[in-house]
C-alpha cells in the first residue's frame, strides 16, 4: 500500500513539473489582479544573472547587490526619462497599474514617502494592461501624485525586471545598486525602514 501511495505522489509531482515547465516555456502574458505575469527573460539572461551572483561584479542584475538595469521611458507628460539620469540619488522604481487594488492601497504611502524623504520615485505604469491613458491621468490626479509616472507601453521594462506580482518595487542606492526589493505592496513604515538602511 505504501508503495502505491509513493508512486501516486511521485507521478503527481512529475506531472506538475512537466506542466509548470511547459507553461513557462510558452512565455504567455496573463493579467490577474493579484499576479501580473509578463513574458520570462531568455535563458541567456538567467545565466548572466547567475554569473553576477557568483562573481559579485558590477554587471547588471535583479538581485539585492546587483546594479539595476538601466531603462528609458516617457513620462505621462511625454518627457523621456532614464534610470541612469538619477545616478547619485536614491531611487525607488515602482511597478503598478490603476486596476491593481494593492497598488491603490500603496500609492498614498508612496506619495507621503516621496514628500518626507530625500528620495526619487519612478512609478512605472504597466500601460499595456490599462484600458486608457486618460484613466492613468485620472488616477494620478485623484491620488495627487507628484513623482514621475513612466509609461511602459509595451511591457519592455516590466519584462526586463521580470515583474510578476504588482506592485513590485526596487530601492536603488546612489551608485545604482539594488538595496531592497519588495514583491507586493509596502506601507510607509517599511519604505522608511528600508530607505534608512541604504547608503
Protein backbone atom coordinates (compact mmCIF):
# COMPACT_ATOMS: atom_id res chain seq x y z
CA UNK A 1 0.00 0.00 0.00
CA UNK A 2 2.81 2.41 0.89
CA UNK A 3 4.49 1.74 -2.46
CA UNK A 4 1.29 2.65 -4.33
CA UNK A 5 0.94 5.91 -2.38
CA UNK A 6 4.58 6.82 -3.07
CA UNK A 7 4.17 6.04 -6.78
CA UNK A 8 1.00 8.17 -6.99
CA UNK A 9 2.69 11.08 -5.20
CA UNK A 10 5.82 10.89 -7.39
CA UNK A 11 3.71 10.66 -10.56
CA UNK A 12 1.71 13.72 -9.49
CA UNK A 13 4.88 15.69 -8.74
CA UNK A 14 6.37 14.73 -12.10
CA UNK A 15 3.18 15.72 -13.94
CA UNK A 16 3.13 19.10 -12.15
CA UNK A 17 6.79 19.73 -13.02
CA UNK A 18 6.13 18.98 -16.71
CA UNK A 19 3.05 21.25 -16.69
CA UNK A 20 4.95 24.05 -14.94
CA UNK A 21 7.88 23.77 -17.36
CA UNK A 22 5.66 23.86 -20.46
CA UNK A 23 3.61 26.80 -19.09
CA UNK A 24 6.83 28.80 -18.51
CA UNK A 25 8.27 27.97 -21.92
CA UNK A 26 5.25 29.38 -23.76
CA UNK A 27 6.09 32.84 -22.41
CA UNK A 28 2.39 33.81 -22.36
CA UNK A 29 1.21 37.01 -20.74
CA UNK A 30 -1.66 36.94 -18.33
CA UNK A 31 -3.25 39.69 -16.30
CA UNK A 32 -4.66 38.92 -12.89
CA UNK A 33 -5.29 41.46 -10.16
CA UNK A 34 -3.07 39.65 -7.65
CA UNK A 35 -0.47 38.17 -10.02
CA UNK A 36 0.60 40.09 -13.13
CA UNK A 37 2.79 37.80 -15.23
CA UNK A 38 4.90 39.03 -18.11
CA UNK A 39 6.99 37.06 -20.59
CA UNK A 40 10.02 35.45 -18.98
CA UNK A 41 13.52 36.59 -19.90
CA UNK A 42 15.68 34.33 -22.03
CA UNK A 43 17.90 31.59 -20.63
CA UNK A 44 20.91 33.73 -21.55
CA UNK A 45 19.74 36.49 -19.15
CA UNK A 46 19.27 33.92 -16.38
CA UNK A 47 22.81 32.62 -16.96
CA UNK A 48 24.09 36.19 -16.86
CA UNK A 49 22.28 36.85 -13.57
CA UNK A 50 23.77 33.67 -12.10
CA UNK A 51 27.26 34.74 -13.15
CA UNK A 52 26.69 38.13 -11.49
CA UNK A 53 25.70 36.45 -8.24
CA UNK A 54 28.78 34.27 -8.27
CA UNK A 55 31.30 36.91 -9.30
CA UNK A 56 30.00 39.91 -7.32
CA UNK A 57 30.83 42.10 -10.33
CA UNK A 58 29.30 45.40 -11.36
CA UNK A 59 27.21 43.69 -14.05
CA UNK A 60 23.50 44.39 -14.01
CA UNK A 61 21.02 42.02 -12.38
CA UNK A 62 17.82 41.90 -10.38
CA UNK A 63 19.04 40.66 -7.00
CA UNK A 64 19.99 42.74 -3.97
CA UNK A 65 23.58 43.89 -4.51
CA UNK A 66 23.34 43.89 -8.33
CA UNK A 67 23.49 47.02 -10.45
CA UNK A 68 19.93 47.89 -11.52
CA UNK A 69 19.30 47.54 -15.26
CA UNK A 70 19.02 50.92 -16.95
CA UNK A 71 15.93 51.80 -18.96
CA UNK A 72 14.37 54.75 -20.79
CA UNK A 73 10.63 55.56 -20.81
CA UNK A 74 8.38 58.55 -21.41
CA UNK A 75 6.56 60.23 -18.56
CA UNK A 76 2.81 60.84 -18.64
CA UNK A 77 3.70 64.34 -19.90
CA UNK A 78 5.85 62.96 -22.76
CA UNK A 79 9.31 63.68 -21.32
CA UNK A 80 11.98 60.97 -21.81
CA UNK A 81 13.50 59.72 -18.55
CA UNK A 82 16.26 57.16 -17.91
CA UNK A 83 17.07 55.46 -14.63
CA UNK A 84 20.70 56.49 -15.19
CA UNK A 85 19.57 60.16 -15.12
CA UNK A 86 19.15 59.67 -11.37
CA UNK A 87 22.64 58.31 -10.64
CA UNK A 88 23.89 59.95 -7.45
CA UNK A 89 20.40 59.89 -5.90
CA UNK A 90 18.47 57.19 -4.08
CA UNK A 91 15.61 55.93 -6.23
CA UNK A 92 12.55 53.71 -5.85
CA UNK A 93 11.37 52.09 -9.09
CA UNK A 94 7.76 51.03 -8.51
CA UNK A 95 5.77 48.90 -10.99
CA UNK A 96 1.99 49.43 -10.80
CA UNK A 97 -1.34 49.70 -12.64
CA UNK A 98 -4.57 51.58 -11.97
CA UNK A 99 -6.67 48.38 -11.82
CA UNK A 100 -4.47 46.82 -9.12
CA UNK A 101 -6.08 47.15 -5.66
CA UNK A 102 -2.81 46.71 -3.71
CA UNK A 103 -1.29 49.45 -5.90
CA UNK A 104 -4.17 51.76 -4.96
CA UNK A 105 -3.57 50.99 -1.29
CA UNK A 106 0.18 51.65 -1.61
CA UNK A 107 0.07 54.95 -3.54
CA UNK A 108 -0.85 57.32 -0.68
CA UNK A 109 2.08 55.93 1.36
CA UNK A 110 4.36 56.23 -1.68
CA UNK A 111 3.39 59.90 -2.08
CA UNK A 112 3.95 60.60 1.63
CA UNK A 113 7.33 58.84 1.44
CA UNK A 114 8.28 60.98 -1.59
CA UNK A 115 7.32 64.17 0.26
CA UNK A 116 9.04 63.25 3.56
CA UNK A 117 12.35 61.75 2.39
CA UNK A 118 15.16 62.71 0.04
CA UNK A 119 14.19 60.04 -2.50
CA UNK A 120 13.23 59.94 -6.16
CA UNK A 121 10.33 57.71 -7.18
CA UNK A 122 9.89 56.43 -10.71
CA UNK A 123 6.39 54.93 -10.90
CA UNK A 124 6.44 52.61 -13.93
CA UNK A 125 2.87 52.13 -15.11
CA UNK A 126 2.16 48.84 -16.92
CA UNK A 127 0.44 50.81 -19.66
CA UNK A 128 -0.21 47.84 -21.95
CA UNK A 129 -2.57 46.45 -19.29
CA UNK A 130 -4.54 49.69 -18.92
CA UNK A 131 -7.83 50.43 -20.68
CA UNK A 132 -6.84 54.03 -21.49
CA UNK A 133 -4.11 56.61 -20.91
CA UNK A 134 -6.70 59.12 -19.70
CA UNK A 135 -7.57 56.67 -16.90
CA UNK A 136 -3.94 56.83 -15.75
CA UNK A 137 -4.07 60.64 -15.64
CA UNK A 138 -7.34 60.46 -13.69
CA UNK A 139 -5.66 58.10 -11.19
CA UNK A 140 -2.64 60.42 -10.80
CA UNK A 141 -4.95 63.41 -10.25
CA UNK A 142 -7.19 61.54 -7.77
CA UNK A 143 -4.21 60.42 -5.68
CA UNK A 144 -2.39 63.77 -6.12
CA UNK A 145 0.82 62.04 -7.19
CA UNK A 146 3.72 64.43 -7.76
CA UNK A 147 6.51 61.97 -8.62
CA UNK A 148 7.23 60.96 -12.25
CA UNK A 149 4.83 58.40 -13.74
CA UNK A 150 6.52 56.48 -16.56
CA UNK A 151 4.59 54.73 -19.32
CA UNK A 152 5.75 51.16 -20.06
CA UNK A 153 3.60 50.89 -23.20
CA UNK A 154 5.00 47.58 -24.48
CA UNK A 155 5.91 45.98 -21.13
CA UNK A 156 9.59 46.16 -22.12
CA UNK A 157 10.78 47.37 -18.72
CA UNK A 158 8.39 45.04 -16.86
CA UNK A 159 9.90 42.16 -18.86
CA UNK A 160 13.43 43.42 -18.25
CA UNK A 161 12.75 43.48 -14.49
CA UNK A 162 10.87 40.14 -14.62
CA UNK A 163 7.83 41.64 -12.90
CA UNK A 164 5.19 39.14 -11.78
CA UNK A 165 3.18 40.43 -8.82
CA UNK A 166 2.31 44.10 -8.76
CA UNK A 167 3.04 46.34 -7.13
CA UNK A 168 6.74 45.49 -7.12
CA UNK A 169 9.43 47.95 -6.05
CA UNK A 170 13.21 48.18 -6.24
CA UNK A 171 15.12 50.51 -3.90
CA UNK A 172 18.30 51.60 -5.63
CA UNK A 173 21.17 53.41 -3.92
CA UNK A 174 23.04 56.44 -5.23
CA UNK A 175 25.58 54.23 -7.04
CA UNK A 176 22.82 52.42 -8.94
CA UNK A 177 22.88 49.22 -6.89
CA UNK A 178 19.70 47.42 -5.75
CA UNK A 179 19.50 47.53 -1.95
CA UNK A 180 15.97 46.17 -1.41
CA UNK A 181 13.14 44.74 -3.47
CA UNK A 182 9.52 44.29 -2.48
CA UNK A 183 7.23 41.91 -4.35
CA UNK A 184 3.88 43.25 -3.22
CA UNK A 185 2.62 46.43 -1.57
CA UNK A 186 4.70 48.28 1.00
CA UNK A 187 3.44 50.56 3.74
CA UNK A 188 5.07 53.85 4.74
CA UNK A 189 6.91 52.36 7.73
CA UNK A 190 8.57 49.66 5.61
CA UNK A 191 9.56 52.21 2.97
CA UNK A 192 11.24 54.40 5.59
CA UNK A 193 12.88 51.44 7.35
CA UNK A 194 14.48 50.12 4.17
CA UNK A 195 15.35 53.59 2.87
CA UNK A 196 17.28 54.40 6.04
CA UNK A 197 19.45 51.30 5.58
CA UNK A 198 20.56 52.48 2.12
CA UNK A 199 23.97 54.12 1.61
